[in-house]
Full PDB file with SEQRES, HELIX, SHEET, SSBOND, CRYST1, ORIGX, SCALE, CONECT and MASTER records, all heavy atoms in Angstrom:
SEQRES   1 A   34  LYS VAL LEU ALA LEU LEU LEU ALA VAL CYS LEU VAL PHE          
SEQRES   2 A   34  SER PHE ALA ALA CYS GLY SER LYS SER SER GLU GLY SER          
SEQRES   3 A   34  ASP GLY PRO LYS ILE LEU LYS LEU                              
HELIX    1 AA1 VAL A    2  ALA A   17  1                                  16    
CRYST1    1.000    1.000    1.000  90.00  90.00  90.00 P 1           1          
ORIGX1      1.000000  0.000000  0.000000        0.00000                         
ORIGX2      0.000000  1.000000  0.000000        0.00000                         
ORIGX3      0.000000  0.000000  1.000000        0.00000                         
SCALE1      1.000000  0.000000  0.000000        0.00000                         
SCALE2      0.000000  1.000000  0.000000        0.00000                         
SCALE3      0.000000  0.000000  1.000000        0.00000                         
ATOM      1  N   LYS A   1      -5.308   2.136  20.820  1.00  0.00           N  
ATOM      2  CA  LYS A   1      -5.786   1.299  19.730  1.00  0.00           C  
ATOM      3  C   LYS A   1      -6.458   2.138  18.648  1.00  0.00           C  
ATOM      4  O   LYS A   1      -6.325   1.874  17.456  1.00  0.00           O  
ATOM      5  CB  LYS A   1      -6.753   0.246  20.269  1.00  0.00           C  
ATOM      6  CG  LYS A   1      -6.059  -0.829  21.094  1.00  0.00           C  
ATOM      7  CD  LYS A   1      -7.032  -1.924  21.479  1.00  0.00           C  
ATOM      8  CE  LYS A   1      -6.297  -3.044  22.220  1.00  0.00           C  
ATOM      9  NZ  LYS A   1      -7.203  -4.130  22.594  1.00  0.00           N  
ATOM     10  N   VAL A   2      -7.208   3.164  19.077  1.00  0.00           N  
ATOM     11  CA  VAL A   2      -7.872   4.048  18.101  1.00  0.00           C  
ATOM     12  C   VAL A   2      -6.830   4.744  17.242  1.00  0.00           C  
ATOM     13  O   VAL A   2      -6.942   4.812  16.014  1.00  0.00           O  
ATOM     14  CB  VAL A   2      -8.769   5.083  18.826  1.00  0.00           C  
ATOM     15  CG1 VAL A   2      -9.264   6.128  17.843  1.00  0.00           C  
ATOM     16  CG2 VAL A   2      -9.949   4.375  19.485  1.00  0.00           C  
ATOM     17  N   LEU A   3      -5.788   5.267  17.903  1.00  0.00           N  
ATOM     18  CA  LEU A   3      -4.726   5.940  17.142  1.00  0.00           C  
ATOM     19  C   LEU A   3      -4.038   4.984  16.184  1.00  0.00           C  
ATOM     20  O   LEU A   3      -3.703   5.338  15.054  1.00  0.00           O  
ATOM     21  CB  LEU A   3      -3.701   6.534  18.111  1.00  0.00           C  
ATOM     22  CG  LEU A   3      -4.172   7.742  18.933  1.00  0.00           C  
ATOM     23  CD1 LEU A   3      -3.138   8.110  19.986  1.00  0.00           C  
ATOM     24  CD2 LEU A   3      -4.484   8.925  18.036  1.00  0.00           C  
ATOM     25  N   ALA A   4      -3.825   3.734  16.642  1.00  0.00           N  
ATOM     26  CA  ALA A   4      -3.193   2.741  15.768  1.00  0.00           C  
ATOM     27  C   ALA A   4      -4.044   2.459  14.547  1.00  0.00           C  
ATOM     28  O   ALA A   4      -3.552   2.335  13.425  1.00  0.00           O  
ATOM     29  CB  ALA A   4      -2.945   1.447  16.551  1.00  0.00           C  
ATOM     30  N   LEU A   5      -5.376   2.381  14.753  1.00  0.00           N  
ATOM     31  CA  LEU A   5      -6.277   2.122  13.633  1.00  0.00           C  
ATOM     32  C   LEU A   5      -6.280   3.283  12.650  1.00  0.00           C  
ATOM     33  O   LEU A   5      -6.254   3.102  11.431  1.00  0.00           O  
ATOM     34  CB  LEU A   5      -7.696   1.867  14.149  1.00  0.00           C  
ATOM     35  CG  LEU A   5      -7.908   0.525  14.858  1.00  0.00           C  
ATOM     36  CD1 LEU A   5      -9.259   0.511  15.558  1.00  0.00           C  
ATOM     37  CD2 LEU A   5      -7.827  -0.619  13.872  1.00  0.00           C  
ATOM     38  N   LEU A   6      -6.276   4.511  13.198  1.00  0.00           N  
ATOM     39  CA  LEU A   6      -6.239   5.683  12.324  1.00  0.00           C  
ATOM     40  C   LEU A   6      -4.942   5.731  11.535  1.00  0.00           C  
ATOM     41  O   LEU A   6      -4.933   6.042  10.341  1.00  0.00           O  
ATOM     42  CB  LEU A   6      -6.385   6.962  13.166  1.00  0.00           C  
ATOM     43  CG  LEU A   6      -7.775   7.212  13.763  1.00  0.00           C  
ATOM     44  CD1 LEU A   6      -7.740   8.411  14.711  1.00  0.00           C  
ATOM     45  CD2 LEU A   6      -8.813   7.454  12.660  1.00  0.00           C  
ATOM     46  N   LEU A   7      -3.834   5.381  12.197  1.00  0.00           N  
ATOM     47  CA  LEU A   7      -2.551   5.350  11.504  1.00  0.00           C  
ATOM     48  C   LEU A   7      -2.565   4.335  10.378  1.00  0.00           C  
ATOM     49  O   LEU A   7      -2.085   4.591   9.278  1.00  0.00           O  
ATOM     50  CB  LEU A   7      -1.441   5.005  12.508  1.00  0.00           C  
ATOM     51  CG  LEU A   7      -0.034   4.782  11.925  1.00  0.00           C  
ATOM     52  CD1 LEU A   7       0.456   6.047  11.244  1.00  0.00           C  
ATOM     53  CD2 LEU A   7       0.925   4.339  13.008  1.00  0.00           C  
ATOM     54  N   ALA A   8      -3.133   3.172  10.680  1.00  0.00           N  
ATOM     55  CA  ALA A   8      -3.188   2.127   9.655  1.00  0.00           C  
ATOM     56  C   ALA A   8      -3.996   2.572   8.450  1.00  0.00           C  
ATOM     57  O   ALA A   8      -3.629   2.327   7.306  1.00  0.00           O  
ATOM     58  CB  ALA A   8      -3.778   0.847  10.242  1.00  0.00           C  
ATOM     59  N   VAL A   9      -5.128   3.262   8.707  1.00  0.00           N  
ATOM     60  CA  VAL A   9      -5.967   3.737   7.601  1.00  0.00           C  
ATOM     61  C   VAL A   9      -5.190   4.748   6.753  1.00  0.00           C  
ATOM     62  O   VAL A   9      -5.200   4.698   5.515  1.00  0.00           O  
ATOM     63  CB  VAL A   9      -7.271   4.368   8.145  1.00  0.00           C  
ATOM     64  CG1 VAL A   9      -8.023   5.071   7.030  1.00  0.00           C  
ATOM     65  CG2 VAL A   9      -8.150   3.287   8.768  1.00  0.00           C  
ATOM     66  N   CYS A  10      -4.486   5.647   7.450  1.00  0.00           N  
ATOM     67  CA  CYS A  10      -3.686   6.629   6.710  1.00  0.00           C  
ATOM     68  C   CYS A  10      -2.608   5.947   5.872  1.00  0.00           C  
ATOM     69  O   CYS A  10      -2.362   6.320   4.732  1.00  0.00           O  
ATOM     70  CB  CYS A  10      -3.025   7.601   7.690  1.00  0.00           C  
ATOM     71  SG  CYS A  10      -4.201   8.672   8.542  1.00  0.00           S  
ATOM     72  N   LEU A  11      -1.983   4.926   6.456  1.00  0.00           N  
ATOM     73  CA  LEU A  11      -0.955   4.201   5.719  1.00  0.00           C  
ATOM     74  C   LEU A  11      -1.518   3.517   4.496  1.00  0.00           C  
ATOM     75  O   LEU A  11      -0.917   3.500   3.432  1.00  0.00           O  
ATOM     76  CB  LEU A  11      -0.296   3.164   6.635  1.00  0.00           C  
ATOM     77  CG  LEU A  11       0.659   3.734   7.686  1.00  0.00           C  
ATOM     78  CD1 LEU A  11       0.998   2.663   8.712  1.00  0.00           C  
ATOM     79  CD2 LEU A  11       1.918   4.262   7.036  1.00  0.00           C  
ATOM     80  N   VAL A  12      -2.728   2.958   4.646  1.00  0.00           N  
ATOM     81  CA  VAL A  12      -3.364   2.272   3.520  1.00  0.00           C  
ATOM     82  C   VAL A  12      -3.561   3.227   2.359  1.00  0.00           C  
ATOM     83  O   VAL A  12      -3.257   2.930   1.204  1.00  0.00           O  
ATOM     84  CB  VAL A  12      -4.710   1.653   3.956  1.00  0.00           C  
ATOM     85  CG1 VAL A  12      -5.535   1.257   2.744  1.00  0.00           C  
ATOM     86  CG2 VAL A  12      -4.473   0.452   4.845  1.00  0.00           C  
ATOM     87  N   PHE A  13      -4.081   4.432   2.670  1.00  0.00           N  
ATOM     88  CA  PHE A  13      -4.298   5.408   1.594  1.00  0.00           C  
ATOM     89  C   PHE A  13      -2.977   5.870   0.989  1.00  0.00           C  
ATOM     90  O   PHE A  13      -2.862   6.057  -0.220  1.00  0.00           O  
ATOM     91  CB  PHE A  13      -5.085   6.611   2.123  1.00  0.00           C  
ATOM     92  CG  PHE A  13      -6.561   6.337   2.231  1.00  0.00           C  
ATOM     93  CD1 PHE A  13      -7.171   6.241   3.467  1.00  0.00           C  
ATOM     94  CD2 PHE A  13      -7.332   6.128   1.086  1.00  0.00           C  
ATOM     95  CE1 PHE A  13      -8.527   5.973   3.564  1.00  0.00           C  
ATOM     96  CE2 PHE A  13      -8.694   5.860   1.180  1.00  0.00           C  
ATOM     97  CZ  PHE A  13      -9.301   5.783   2.435  1.00  0.00           C  
ATOM     98  N   SER A  14      -1.940   6.020   1.854  1.00  0.00           N  
ATOM     99  CA  SER A  14      -0.651   6.458   1.308  1.00  0.00           C  
ATOM    100  C   SER A  14      -0.037   5.377   0.432  1.00  0.00           C  
ATOM    101  O   SER A  14       0.600   5.659  -0.561  1.00  0.00           O  
ATOM    102  CB  SER A  14       0.307   6.831   2.450  1.00  0.00           C  
ATOM    103  OG  SER A  14       0.656   5.694   3.194  1.00  0.00           O  
ATOM    104  N   PHE A  15      -0.226   4.110   0.807  1.00  0.00           N  
ATOM    105  CA  PHE A  15       0.291   3.018  -0.026  1.00  0.00           C  
ATOM    106  C   PHE A  15      -0.397   3.017  -1.377  1.00  0.00           C  
ATOM    107  O   PHE A  15       0.214   2.868  -2.423  1.00  0.00           O  
ATOM    108  CB  PHE A  15       0.017   1.662   0.647  1.00  0.00           C  
ATOM    109  CG  PHE A  15       0.748   1.474   1.944  1.00  0.00           C  
ATOM    110  CD1 PHE A  15       0.346   0.485   2.833  1.00  0.00           C  
ATOM    111  CD2 PHE A  15       1.823   2.274   2.280  1.00  0.00           C  
ATOM    112  CE1 PHE A  15       1.009   0.301   4.014  1.00  0.00           C  
ATOM    113  CE2 PHE A  15       2.498   2.082   3.466  1.00  0.00           C  
ATOM    114  CZ  PHE A  15       2.081   1.099   4.330  1.00  0.00           C  
ATOM    115  N   ALA A  16      -1.726   3.171  -1.356  1.00  0.00           N  
ATOM    116  CA  ALA A  16      -2.491   3.126  -2.596  1.00  0.00           C  
ATOM    117  C   ALA A  16      -2.076   4.248  -3.532  1.00  0.00           C  
ATOM    118  O   ALA A  16      -2.101   4.113  -4.753  1.00  0.00           O  
ATOM    119  CB  ALA A  16      -3.983   3.218  -2.276  1.00  0.00           C  
ATOM    120  N   ALA A  17      -1.645   5.347  -2.927  1.00  0.00           N  
ATOM    121  CA  ALA A  17      -1.296   6.506  -3.746  1.00  0.00           C  
ATOM    122  C   ALA A  17       0.061   6.377  -4.419  1.00  0.00           C  
ATOM    123  O   ALA A  17       0.361   7.100  -5.351  1.00  0.00           O  
ATOM    124  CB  ALA A  17      -1.297   7.775  -2.873  1.00  0.00           C  
ATOM    125  N   CYS A  18       0.898   5.434  -3.944  1.00  0.00           N  
ATOM    126  CA  CYS A  18       2.257   5.412  -4.491  1.00  0.00           C  
ATOM    127  C   CYS A  18       2.325   4.764  -5.868  1.00  0.00           C  
ATOM    128  O   CYS A  18       3.328   4.877  -6.547  1.00  0.00           O  
ATOM    129  CB  CYS A  18       3.227   4.759  -3.514  1.00  0.00           C  
ATOM    130  SG  CYS A  18       2.893   3.061  -3.131  1.00  0.00           S  
ATOM    131  N   GLY A  19       1.288   4.062  -6.277  1.00  0.00           N  
ATOM    132  CA  GLY A  19       1.152   3.675  -7.677  1.00  0.00           C  
ATOM    133  C   GLY A  19       2.046   2.586  -8.190  1.00  0.00           C  
ATOM    134  O   GLY A  19       2.054   2.287  -9.365  1.00  0.00           O  
ATOM    135  N   SER A  20       2.849   1.941  -7.336  1.00  0.00           N  
ATOM    136  CA  SER A  20       3.694   0.859  -7.833  1.00  0.00           C  
ATOM    137  C   SER A  20       2.869  -0.396  -8.023  1.00  0.00           C  
ATOM    138  O   SER A  20       1.882  -0.607  -7.348  1.00  0.00           O  
ATOM    139  CB  SER A  20       4.829   0.612  -6.855  1.00  0.00           C  
ATOM    140  OG  SER A  20       4.335   0.196  -5.615  1.00  0.00           O  
ATOM    141  N   LYS A  21       3.292  -1.218  -8.967  1.00  0.00           N  
ATOM    142  CA  LYS A  21       2.546  -2.433  -9.291  1.00  0.00           C  
ATOM    143  C   LYS A  21       3.245  -3.603  -8.637  1.00  0.00           C  
ATOM    144  O   LYS A  21       4.358  -3.919  -8.978  1.00  0.00           O  
ATOM    145  CB  LYS A  21       2.486  -2.620 -10.811  1.00  0.00           C  
ATOM    146  CG  LYS A  21       1.828  -1.447 -11.526  1.00  0.00           C  
ATOM    147  CD  LYS A  21       1.973  -1.564 -13.027  1.00  0.00           C  
ATOM    148  CE  LYS A  21       1.388  -0.340 -13.736  1.00  0.00           C  
ATOM    149  NZ  LYS A  21       1.559  -0.410 -15.192  1.00  0.00           N  
ATOM    150  N   SER A  22       2.579  -4.238  -7.671  1.00  0.00           N  
ATOM    151  CA  SER A  22       3.234  -5.338  -6.995  1.00  0.00           C  
ATOM    152  C   SER A  22       2.537  -6.622  -7.337  1.00  0.00           C  
ATOM    153  O   SER A  22       2.596  -7.084  -8.460  1.00  0.00           O  
ATOM    154  CB  SER A  22       3.268  -5.093  -5.490  1.00  0.00           C  
ATOM    155  OG  SER A  22       1.971  -5.012  -4.947  1.00  0.00           O  
ATOM    156  N   SER A  23       1.829  -7.202  -6.384  1.00  0.00           N  
ATOM    157  CA  SER A  23       1.282  -8.538  -6.591  1.00  0.00           C  
ATOM    158  C   SER A  23      -0.120  -8.506  -7.155  1.00  0.00           C  
ATOM    159  O   SER A  23      -0.952  -9.328  -6.838  1.00  0.00           O  
ATOM    160  CB  SER A  23       1.299  -9.280  -5.258  1.00  0.00           C  
ATOM    161  OG  SER A  23       0.631  -8.527  -4.271  1.00  0.00           O  
ATOM    162  N   GLU A  24      -0.422  -7.572  -8.009  1.00  0.00           N  
ATOM    163  CA  GLU A  24      -1.755  -7.463  -8.589  1.00  0.00           C  
ATOM    164  C   GLU A  24      -1.877  -8.203  -9.911  1.00  0.00           C  
ATOM    165  O   GLU A  24      -2.891  -8.130 -10.582  1.00  0.00           O  
ATOM    166  CB  GLU A  24      -2.091  -5.976  -8.827  1.00  0.00           C  
ATOM    167  CG  GLU A  24      -2.013  -5.120  -7.567  1.00  0.00           C  
ATOM    168  CD  GLU A  24      -2.997  -5.574  -6.512  1.00  0.00           C  
ATOM    169  OE1 GLU A  24      -4.124  -5.951  -6.887  1.00  0.00           O  
ATOM    170  OE2 GLU A  24      -2.647  -5.570  -5.333  1.00  0.00           O  
ATOM    171  N   GLY A  25      -0.835  -8.893 -10.308  1.00  0.00           N  
ATOM    172  CA  GLY A  25      -0.874  -9.616 -11.581  1.00  0.00           C  
ATOM    173  C   GLY A  25      -0.657  -8.716 -12.777  1.00  0.00           C  
ATOM    174  O   GLY A  25      -0.936  -9.067 -13.909  1.00  0.00           O  
ATOM    175  N   SER A  26      -0.139  -7.525 -12.547  1.00  0.00           N  
ATOM    176  CA  SER A  26       0.079  -6.566 -13.627  1.00  0.00           C  
ATOM    177  C   SER A  26       1.315  -6.952 -14.433  1.00  0.00           C  
ATOM    178  O   SER A  26       2.167  -7.698 -14.001  1.00  0.00           O  
ATOM    179  CB  SER A  26       0.254  -5.170 -13.030  1.00  0.00           C  
ATOM    180  OG  SER A  26       0.765  -4.292 -13.979  1.00  0.00           O  
ATOM    181  N   ASP A  27       1.386  -6.390 -15.655  1.00  0.00           N  
ATOM    182  CA  ASP A  27       2.571  -6.597 -16.482  1.00  0.00           C  
ATOM    183  C   ASP A  27       3.664  -5.592 -16.149  1.00  0.00           C  
ATOM    184  O   ASP A  27       4.717  -5.581 -16.778  1.00  0.00           O  
ATOM    185  CB  ASP A  27       2.199  -6.455 -17.968  1.00  0.00           C  
ATOM    186  CG  ASP A  27       1.298  -7.592 -18.423  1.00  0.00           C  
ATOM    187  OD1 ASP A  27       1.417  -8.685 -17.859  1.00  0.00           O  
ATOM    188  OD2 ASP A  27       0.481  -7.357 -19.329  1.00  0.00           O  
ATOM    189  N   GLY A  28       3.390  -4.729 -15.173  1.00  0.00           N  
ATOM    190  CA  GLY A  28       4.374  -3.722 -14.784  1.00  0.00           C  
ATOM    191  C   GLY A  28       5.505  -4.322 -13.990  1.00  0.00           C  
ATOM    192  O   GLY A  28       5.627  -5.540 -13.848  1.00  0.00           O  
ATOM    193  N   PRO A  29       6.380  -3.478 -13.452  1.00  0.00           N  
ATOM    194  CA  PRO A  29       7.543  -3.970 -12.708  1.00  0.00           C  
ATOM    195  C   PRO A  29       7.122  -4.732 -11.452  1.00  0.00           C  
ATOM    196  O   PRO A  29       6.088  -4.459 -10.848  1.00  0.00           O  
ATOM    197  CB  PRO A  29       8.306  -2.685 -12.361  1.00  0.00           C  
ATOM    198  CG  PRO A  29       7.278  -1.595 -12.424  1.00  0.00           C  
ATOM    199  CD  PRO A  29       6.318  -2.004 -13.494  1.00  0.00           C  
ATOM    200  N   LYS A  30       7.948  -5.678 -11.071  1.00  0.00           N  
ATOM    201  CA  LYS A  30       7.704  -6.450  -9.849  1.00  0.00           C  
ATOM    202  C   LYS A  30       8.240  -5.666  -8.654  1.00  0.00           C  
ATOM    203  O   LYS A  30       9.448  -5.600  -8.436  1.00  0.00           O  
ATOM    204  CB  LYS A  30       8.438  -7.796  -9.915  1.00  0.00           C  
ATOM    205  CG  LYS A  30       7.773  -8.870 -10.732  1.00  0.00           C  
ATOM    206  CD  LYS A  30       8.558 -10.166 -10.506  1.00  0.00           C  
ATOM    207  CE  LYS A  30       8.082 -11.274 -11.409  1.00  0.00           C  
ATOM    208  NZ  LYS A  30       8.867 -12.519 -11.169  1.00  0.00           N  
ATOM    209  N   ILE A  31       7.334  -5.068  -7.900  1.00  0.00           N  
ATOM    210  CA  ILE A  31       7.712  -4.292  -6.721  1.00  0.00           C  
ATOM    211  C   ILE A  31       7.110  -4.951  -5.490  1.00  0.00           C  
ATOM    212  O   ILE A  31       5.892  -5.001  -5.336  1.00  0.00           O  
ATOM    213  CB  ILE A  31       7.237  -2.827  -6.817  1.00  0.00           C  
ATOM    214  CG1 ILE A  31       7.707  -2.195  -8.126  1.00  0.00           C  
ATOM    215  CG2 ILE A  31       7.721  -2.044  -5.608  1.00  0.00           C  
ATOM    216  CD1 ILE A  31       9.197  -2.070  -8.265  1.00  0.00           C  
ATOM    217  N   LEU A  32       7.934  -5.464  -4.631  1.00  0.00           N  
ATOM    218  CA  LEU A  32       7.491  -6.113  -3.402  1.00  0.00           C  
ATOM    219  C   LEU A  32       7.343  -5.069  -2.310  1.00  0.00           C  
ATOM    220  O   LEU A  32       8.157  -4.155  -2.199  1.00  0.00           O  
ATOM    221  CB  LEU A  32       8.527  -7.165  -2.989  1.00  0.00           C  
ATOM    222  CG  LEU A  32       8.209  -8.041  -1.782  1.00  0.00           C  
ATOM    223  CD1 LEU A  32       7.045  -8.980  -2.086  1.00  0.00           C  
ATOM    224  CD2 LEU A  32       9.452  -8.834  -1.373  1.00  0.00           C  
ATOM    225  N   LYS A  33       6.302  -5.225  -1.492  1.00  0.00           N  
ATOM    226  CA  LYS A  33       6.048  -4.277  -0.402  1.00  0.00           C  
ATOM    227  C   LYS A  33       6.100  -5.024   0.922  1.00  0.00           C  
ATOM    228  O   LYS A  33       5.331  -5.956   1.147  1.00  0.00           O  
ATOM    229  CB  LYS A  33       4.690  -3.604  -0.575  1.00  0.00           C  
ATOM    230  CG  LYS A  33       4.572  -2.795  -1.851  1.00  0.00           C  
ATOM    231  CD  LYS A  33       3.166  -2.247  -2.002  1.00  0.00           C  
ATOM    232  CE  LYS A  33       3.003  -1.481  -3.300  1.00  0.00           C  
ATOM    233  NZ  LYS A  33       1.621  -0.984  -3.488  1.00  0.00           N  
ATOM    234  N   LEU A  34       7.006  -4.596   1.790  1.00  0.00           N  
ATOM    235  CA  LEU A  34       7.193  -5.237   3.080  1.00  0.00           C  
ATOM    236  C   LEU A  34       7.090  -4.216   4.204  1.00  0.00           C  
ATOM    237  O   LEU A  34       7.291  -3.016   3.983  1.00  0.00           O  
ATOM    238  CB  LEU A  34       8.562  -5.921   3.143  1.00  0.00           C  
ATOM    239  CG  LEU A  34       8.849  -6.992   2.083  1.00  0.00           C  
ATOM    240  CD1 LEU A  34      10.293  -7.479   2.211  1.00  0.00           C  
ATOM    241  CD2 LEU A  34       7.881  -8.157   2.201  1.00  0.00           C  
TER     242      LEU A  34                                                      
MASTER        0    0    0    1    0    0    0    6  241    1    0    3          
END                                                                             
């Protein structure tokens, strides 16, 4: 479970770094993340 939590945290930071504009209400492109 600890490893899973650490992985999730790493994924969160990597997602934030990719810079695409999804459901934030931005005028940028519609990019869905699944």
